[in-house]
C-alpha atoms as a PDB file:
ATOM      1  CA  MET A   1     126.635  -4.449  25.868  1.00  0.00           C
ATOM      2  CA  ALA A   2     127.429  -1.368  26.897  1.00  0.00           C
ATOM      3  CA  VAL A   3     125.174   2.400  25.842  1.00  0.00           C
ATOM      4  CA  PRO A   4     126.282   5.434  26.367  1.00  0.00           C
ATOM      5  CA  VAL A   5     124.612   7.095  29.479  1.00  0.00           C
ATOM      6  CA  TYR A   6     124.123  11.396  27.969  1.00  0.00           C
ATOM      7  CA  ASN A   7     123.450  14.114  29.750  1.00  0.00           C
ATOM      8  CA  ARG A   8     120.571  16.809  28.283  1.00  0.00           C
ATOM      9  CA  GLN A   9     122.970  17.973  27.018  1.00  0.00           C
ATOM     10  CA  GLY A  10     123.804  15.062  24.796  1.00  0.00           C
ATOM     11  CA  GLU A  11     127.222  15.091  26.761  1.00  0.00           C
ATOM     12  CA  THR A  12     128.142  11.464  27.218  1.00  0.00           C
ATOM     13  CA  ILE A  13     128.627  11.448  31.071  1.00  0.00           C
ATOM     14  CA  ASP A  14     128.478   7.566  31.558  1.00  0.00           C
ATOM     15  CA  GLU A  15     128.261   3.628  30.101  1.00  0.00           C
ATOM     16  CA  VAL A  16     125.688   0.758  31.168  1.00  0.00           C
ATOM     17  CA  GLU A  17     125.847  -2.516  30.536  1.00  0.00           C
ATOM     18  CA  LEU A  18     122.500  -3.682  29.353  1.00  0.00           C
ATOM     19  CA  ARG A  19     121.284  -7.226  30.610  1.00  0.00           C
ATOM     20  CA  THR A  20     121.965  -9.099  27.675  1.00  0.00           C
ATOM     21  CA  ASP A  21     118.941 -11.408  28.598  1.00  0.00           C
ATOM     22  CA  ILE A  22     116.682  -8.015  27.151  1.00  0.00           C
ATOM     23  CA  PHE A  23     118.529  -6.537  24.762  1.00  0.00           C
ATOM     24  CA  ALA A  24     120.918  -9.427  23.446  1.00  0.00           C
ATOM     25  CA  ALA A  25     117.988 -11.981  23.941  1.00  0.00           C
ATOM     26  CA  PRO A  26     117.849 -14.461  20.206  1.00  0.00           C
ATOM     27  CA  VAL A  27     115.466 -11.908  17.646  1.00  0.00           C
ATOM     28  CA  ASN A  28     112.509 -14.113  16.962  1.00  0.00           C
ATOM     29  CA  VAL A  29     111.295 -12.731  14.204  1.00  0.00           C
ATOM     30  CA  GLY A  30     108.409 -14.928  13.813  1.00  0.00           C
ATOM     31  CA  LEU A  31     107.539 -14.129  17.592  1.00  0.00           C
ATOM     32  CA  MET A  32     107.264 -10.581  17.443  1.00  0.00           C
ATOM     33  CA  HIS A  33     104.297 -10.484  14.378  1.00  0.00           C
ATOM     34  CA  GLN A  34     103.106 -13.297  16.141  1.00  0.00           C
ATOM     35  CA  ALA A  35     102.724 -11.121  19.186  1.00  0.00           C
ATOM     36  CA  PHE A  36     101.754  -7.383  17.016  1.00  0.00           C
ATOM     37  CA  GLU A  37      99.049  -9.322  15.271  1.00  0.00           C
ATOM     38  CA  ARG A  38      97.206 -10.282  18.626  1.00  0.00           C
ATOM     39  CA  GLN A  39      97.803  -6.455  20.132  1.00  0.00           C
ATOM     40  CA  MET A  40      96.393  -5.027  16.566  1.00  0.00           C
ATOM     41  CA  ALA A  41      93.329  -7.554  16.505  1.00  0.00           C
ATOM     42  CA  ASN A  42      92.916  -6.829  20.637  1.00  0.00           C
ATOM     43  CA  ALA A  43      91.830  -3.489  19.882  1.00  0.00           C
ATOM     44  CA  ARG A  44      89.907  -3.887  17.398  1.00  0.00           C
ATOM     45  CA  LEU A  45      86.630  -2.979  18.707  1.00  0.00           C
ATOM     46  CA  GLY A  46      84.835  -5.286  16.743  1.00  0.00           C
ATOM     47  CA  THR A  47      81.199  -2.931  16.276  1.00  0.00           C
ATOM     48  CA  HIS A  48      80.838  -3.769  12.239  1.00  0.00           C
ATOM     49  CA  GLN A  49      76.969  -4.426  11.948  1.00  0.00           C
ATOM     50  CA  ALA A  50      74.368  -4.723   9.212  1.00  0.00           C
ATOM     51  CA  GLN A  51      70.710  -5.169   9.824  1.00  0.00           C
ATOM     52  CA  THR A  52      69.881  -8.275   8.154  1.00  0.00           C
ATOM     53  CA  ARG A  53      65.550  -8.513   6.740  1.00  0.00           C
ATOM     54  CA  SER A  54      64.185  -9.054   9.971  1.00  0.00           C
ATOM     55  CA  GLU A  55      66.090  -6.328  11.814  1.00  0.00           C
ATOM     56  CA  VAL A  56      65.128  -4.052   8.814  1.00  0.00           C
ATOM     57  CA  ASN A  57      62.561  -1.358   9.779  1.00  0.00           C
ATOM     58  CA  ARG A  58      60.197  -1.174   6.654  1.00  0.00           C
ATOM     59  CA  THR A  59      56.550  -2.332   6.726  1.00  0.00           C
ATOM     60  CA  LYS A  60      56.144  -7.124   6.497  1.00  0.00           C
ATOM     61  CA  SER A  61      53.432  -7.025   4.068  1.00  0.00           C
ATOM     62  CA  LYS A  62      53.490  -8.175   0.737  1.00  0.00           C
ATOM     63  CA  TRP A  63      54.872  -5.973  -2.013  1.00  0.00           C
ATOM     64  CA  TYR A  64      51.926  -6.922  -4.626  1.00  0.00           C
ATOM     65  CA  ARG A  65      49.602  -9.288  -5.692  1.00  0.00           C
ATOM     66  CA  GLN A  66      50.947 -12.382  -6.228  1.00  0.00           C
ATOM     67  CA  LYS A  67      48.867 -12.959 -10.103  1.00  0.00           C
ATOM     68  CA  GLY A  68      48.714 -11.364 -13.066  1.00  0.00           C
ATOM     69  CA  THR A  69      51.478  -8.046 -12.939  1.00  0.00           C
ATOM     70  CA  GLY A  70      54.026  -9.592 -14.883  1.00  0.00           C
ATOM     71  CA  ARG A  71      56.060  -9.073 -12.252  1.00  0.00           C
ATOM     72  CA  ALA A  72      58.628 -11.770 -10.246  1.00  0.00           C
ATOM     73  CA  ARG A  73      56.709 -12.741  -7.056  1.00  0.00           C
ATOM     74  CA  HIS A  74      57.773 -11.517  -4.209  1.00  0.00           C
ATOM     75  CA  GLY A  75      56.487 -11.732  -0.534  1.00  0.00           C
ATOM     76  CA  SER A  76      58.593  -8.560   0.908  1.00  0.00           C
ATOM     77  CA  ARG A  77      60.354  -5.649   0.666  1.00  0.00           C
ATOM     78  CA  ASN A  78      62.945  -6.866   3.123  1.00  0.00           C
ATOM     79  CA  ALA A  79      64.421  -8.765   1.133  1.00  0.00           C
ATOM     80  CA  ASN A  80      68.419  -8.728   0.349  1.00  0.00           C
ATOM     81  CA  LEU A  81      67.418  -7.917  -3.597  1.00  0.00           C
ATOM     82  CA  PHE A  82      65.329  -4.497  -2.479  1.00  0.00           C
ATOM     83  CA  VAL A  83      67.130  -0.724  -1.647  1.00  0.00           C
ATOM     84  CA  GLY A  84      66.670  -0.479   1.560  1.00  0.00           C
ATOM     85  CA  GLY A  85      66.239  -4.066   2.489  1.00  0.00           C
ATOM     86  CA  GLY A  86      68.458  -6.344   4.789  1.00  0.00           C
ATOM     87  CA  VAL A  87      71.754  -7.465   4.171  1.00  0.00           C
ATOM     88  CA  ALA A  88      72.502 -11.226   2.525  1.00  0.00           C
ATOM     89  CA  HIS A  89      75.273 -12.535   4.718  1.00  0.00           C
ATOM     90  CA  GLY A  90      76.803  -9.734   6.223  1.00  0.00           C
ATOM     91  CA  PRO A  91      79.512  -8.214   9.322  1.00  0.00           C
ATOM     92  CA  VAL A  92      77.907  -9.459  13.187  1.00  0.00           C
ATOM     93  CA  ALA A  93      79.663  -7.694  15.985  1.00  0.00           C
ATOM     94  CA  HIS A  94      82.461 -10.187  17.350  1.00  0.00           C
ATOM     95  CA  LYS A  95      85.062  -9.640  19.709  1.00  0.00           C
ATOM     96  CA  TYR A  96      88.718 -10.237  18.116  1.00  0.00           C
ATOM     97  CA  VAL A  97      90.758 -11.246  21.046  1.00  0.00           C
ATOM     98  CA  LYS A  98      93.761 -13.338  20.731  1.00  0.00           C
ATOM     99  CA  ASP A  99      94.903 -14.679  23.781  1.00  0.00           C
ATOM    100  CA  MET A 100      98.716 -15.076  24.148  1.00  0.00           C
ATOM    101  CA  PRO A 101     101.351 -16.339  26.873  1.00  0.00           C
ATOM    102  CA  LYS A 102     102.973 -13.232  28.863  1.00  0.00           C
ATOM    103  CA  LYS A 103     105.703 -15.309  28.893  1.00  0.00           C
ATOM    104  CA  MET A 104     105.698 -15.070  24.665  1.00  0.00           C
ATOM    105  CA  GLN A 105     104.600 -11.290  24.935  1.00  0.00           C
ATOM    106  CA  ARG A 106     107.688 -10.718  26.988  1.00  0.00           C
ATOM    107  CA  ALA A 107     109.658 -12.848  25.012  1.00  0.00           C
ATOM    108  CA  ALA A 108     108.788 -11.340  22.025  1.00  0.00           C
ATOM    109  CA  ILE A 109     109.403  -7.161  24.069  1.00  0.00           C
ATOM    110  CA  ARG A 110     112.774  -8.388  25.129  1.00  0.00           C
ATOM    111  CA  SER A 111     113.656  -9.476  20.556  1.00  0.00           C
ATOM    112  CA  ALA A 112     112.335  -6.092  19.738  1.00  0.00           C
ATOM    113  CA  LEU A 113     114.425  -4.180  22.403  1.00  0.00           C
ATOM    114  CA  SER A 114     117.517  -6.395  21.102  1.00  0.00           C
ATOM    115  CA  VAL A 115     116.469  -5.046  17.844  1.00  0.00           C
ATOM    116  CA  LYS A 116     116.739  -1.695  19.066  1.00  0.00           C
ATOM    117  CA  ALA A 117     119.914  -2.200  20.945  1.00  0.00           C
ATOM    118  CA  GLY A 118     121.696  -4.172  18.013  1.00  0.00           C
ATOM    119  CA  ASP A 119     120.949  -0.980  16.003  1.00  0.00           C
ATOM    120  CA  GLY A 120     122.083   1.593  18.176  1.00  0.00           C
ATOM    121  CA  GLN A 121     118.750   3.162  18.767  1.00  0.00           C
ATOM    122  CA  ILE A 122     118.382   3.453  22.873  1.00  0.00           C
ATOM    123  CA  HIS A 123     119.608   6.155  24.099  1.00  0.00           C
ATOM    124  CA  LEU A 124     119.950   6.402  28.073  1.00  0.00           C
ATOM    125  CA  LEU A 125     119.918   9.631  29.898  1.00  0.00           C
ATOM    126  CA  ASP A 126     121.006  10.473  33.795  1.00  0.00           C
ATOM    127  CA  GLU A 127     117.711  12.086  34.320  1.00  0.00           C
ATOM    128  CA  LEU A 128     114.988  13.587  32.171  1.00  0.00           C
ATOM    129  CA  GLU A 129     113.007  16.341  34.339  1.00  0.00           C
ATOM    130  CA  LEU A 130     112.061  19.335  33.421  1.00  0.00           C
ATOM    131  CA  ASP A 131     110.325  22.046  35.879  1.00  0.00           C
ATOM    132  CA  VAL A 132     107.676  23.295  33.780  1.00  0.00           C
ATOM    133  CA  PRO A 133     106.371  21.876  30.255  1.00  0.00           C
ATOM    134  CA  ARG A 134     107.831  22.903  27.467  1.00  0.00           C
ATOM    135  CA  THR A 135     107.848  21.232  24.048  1.00  0.00           C
ATOM    136  CA  LYS A 136     111.219  23.388  22.987  1.00  0.00           C
ATOM    137  CA  ASP A 137     113.084  21.526  25.958  1.00  0.00           C
ATOM    138  CA  ILE A 138     112.263  18.262  24.357  1.00  0.00           C
ATOM    139  CA  VAL A 139     113.442  19.614  21.011  1.00  0.00           C
ATOM    140  CA  SER A 140     116.106  20.647  21.825  1.00  0.00           C
ATOM    141  CA  LEU A 141     117.291  17.943  24.399  1.00  0.00           C
ATOM    142  CA  LEU A 142     116.241  15.084  21.354  1.00  0.00           C
ATOM    143  CA  GLU A 143     118.572  17.849  18.573  1.00  0.00           C
ATOM    144  CA  SER A 144     121.168  16.983  20.912  1.00  0.00           C
ATOM    145  CA  LEU A 145     120.755  13.603  20.212  1.00  0.00           C
ATOM    146  CA  GLY A 146     120.557  13.777  16.780  1.00  0.00           C
ATOM    147  CA  LEU A 147     117.500  11.736  16.830  1.00  0.00           C
ATOM    148  CA  GLU A 148     114.541  13.695  14.256  1.00  0.00           C
ATOM    149  CA  GLU A 149     112.753  10.387  13.366  1.00  0.00           C
ATOM    150  CA  LYS A 150     110.306   8.532  15.163  1.00  0.00           C
ATOM    151  CA  VAL A 151     110.838   8.351  18.975  1.00  0.00           C
ATOM    152  CA  LEU A 152     109.821   6.955  21.593  1.00  0.00           C
ATOM    153  CA  ILE A 153     110.398   8.538  25.061  1.00  0.00           C
ATOM    154  CA  VAL A 154     109.909   5.846  28.076  1.00  0.00           C
ATOM    155  CA  LEU A 155     109.017   7.353  31.690  1.00  0.00           C
ATOM    156  CA  SER A 156     109.868   5.231  34.983  1.00  0.00           C
ATOM    157  CA  GLU A 157     106.605   6.588  35.828  1.00  0.00           C
ATOM    158  CA  ARG A 158     104.006   8.833  34.703  1.00  0.00           C
ATOM    159  CA  ASP A 159     105.627  12.948  34.179  1.00  0.00           C
ATOM    160  CA  GLU A 160     102.766  14.507  33.472  1.00  0.00           C
ATOM    161  CA  ILE A 161     105.176  17.910  33.130  1.00  0.00           C
ATOM    162  CA  ILE A 162     107.112  15.402  30.161  1.00  0.00           C
ATOM    163  CA  GLU A 163     104.206  14.223  29.016  1.00  0.00           C
ATOM    164  CA  LYS A 164     102.098  17.730  28.142  1.00  0.00           C
ATOM    165  CA  SER A 165     105.785  18.727  26.280  1.00  0.00           C
ATOM    166  CA  ALA A 166     105.876  15.588  23.903  1.00  0.00           C
ATOM    167  CA  ARG A 167     102.308  15.831  23.311  1.00  0.00           C
ATOM    168  CA  ASN A 168     102.639  18.612  20.940  1.00  0.00           C
ATOM    169  CA  LEU A 169     104.964  16.739  18.576  1.00  0.00           C
ATOM    170  CA  PRO A 170     103.758  14.421  15.958  1.00  0.00           C
ATOM    171  CA  HIS A 171     106.683  11.905  16.029  1.00  0.00           C
ATOM    172  CA  VAL A 172     107.693  11.601  19.155  1.00  0.00           C
ATOM    173  CA  LYS A 173     105.527   9.879  22.109  1.00  0.00           C
ATOM    174  CA  THR A 174     105.732   8.860  25.950  1.00  0.00           C
ATOM    175  CA  LEU A 175     105.585   5.970  27.473  1.00  0.00           C
ATOM    176  CA  GLN A 176     105.239   4.607  30.938  1.00  0.00           C
ATOM    177  CA  ALA A 177     108.089   1.528  31.329  1.00  0.00           C
ATOM    178  CA  ASN A 178     104.972  -0.718  32.975  1.00  0.00           C
ATOM    179  CA  TYR A 179     103.302  -0.596  29.714  1.00  0.00           C
ATOM    180  CA  ILE A 180     106.274  -1.059  27.174  1.00  0.00           C
ATOM    181  CA  ASN A 181     104.761  -3.026  24.058  1.00  0.00           C
ATOM    182  CA  ILE A 182     105.840  -5.056  20.486  1.00  0.00           C
ATOM    183  CA  ARG A 183     103.771  -1.859  18.915  1.00  0.00           C
ATOM    184  CA  ASP A 184     105.279   1.058  19.723  1.00  0.00           C
ATOM    185  CA  LEU A 185     108.647  -1.107  20.219  1.00  0.00           C
ATOM    186  CA  LEU A 186     108.239  -1.755  16.586  1.00  0.00           C
ATOM    187  CA  LYS A 187     106.118   1.303  15.611  1.00  0.00           C
ATOM    188  CA  TYR A 188     109.392   4.274  16.401  1.00  0.00           C
ATOM    189  CA  ASP A 189     113.308   4.073  14.976  1.00  0.00           C
ATOM    190  CA  ASP A 190     114.481   5.617  18.267  1.00  0.00           C
ATOM    191  CA  ILE A 191     113.931   4.835  21.831  1.00  0.00           C
ATOM    192  CA  VAL A 192     115.364   7.723  24.788  1.00  0.00           C
ATOM    193  CA  MET A 193     115.379   6.022  28.223  1.00  0.00           C
ATOM    194  CA  PRO A 194     116.576   7.796  31.739  1.00  0.00           C
ATOM    195  CA  LEU A 195     118.048   5.111  34.066  1.00  0.00           C
ATOM    196  CA  SER A 196     115.197   4.672  36.315  1.00  0.00           C
ATOM    197  CA  ALA A 197     113.193   3.437  33.517  1.00  0.00           C
ATOM    198  CA  LEU A 198     115.727   1.155  31.970  1.00  0.00           C
ATOM    199  CA  GLN A 199     115.580  -0.622  35.561  1.00  0.00           C
ATOM    200  CA  ALA A 200     111.743  -0.717  35.596  1.00  0.00           C
ATOM    201  CA  ILE A 201     112.228  -2.380  32.490  1.00  0.00           C
ATOM    202  CA  GLU A 202     115.126  -4.531  33.731  1.00  0.00           C
ATOM    203  CA  SER A 203     112.619  -5.481  36.810  1.00  0.00           C
ATOM    204  CA  PHE A 204     109.974  -6.209  34.688  1.00  0.00           C
ATOM    205  CA  LEU A 205     111.514  -8.871  32.084  1.00  0.00           C
ATOM    206  CA  GLY A 206     114.298 -10.050  33.933  1.00  0.00           C
ATOM    207  CA  ARG A 207     111.980 -12.361  36.056  1.00  0.00           C
END
């Protein structure tokens, strides 16, 4: 699969052949969904918890005498039917972590990249370097590529200048190639990356 390579002015200067085992792999929708659900579940903190009647900080003494009041008998104000009492069958803090073999994780990423490549949503640059952080440089770059929707900029390594230039744009996110994941691939419409980032992805997913 041949993909054009652009410069910062949006001009086509070269053409690169993408690896078919990564960018033209069989698309497994079920596997992508499983990987997405796993990543979202692992991101949950699981710290939600309600107090039971034994944990509520109220008096343990009997509310009122057993007989003679005409009211129902009660032994404690901590019961769940009273305001301020404990919660019956409430949420308990626990982990939502799900396991998934690395081969399946990488296969899901290959499927997502194949979908992006098949739809023409992968845009390659010869290089992506800025001298100083400047948001309008990123804006002009995306405009030259004709991109207006959600864009994921993949970098081969951390670049604080690029990251600072793009972080003020609500529809743009920067990501290092070794942190590429199924959630960001599905969330953002287009992917922009220099050739160095492409090499990093191919070395990571081509094992």
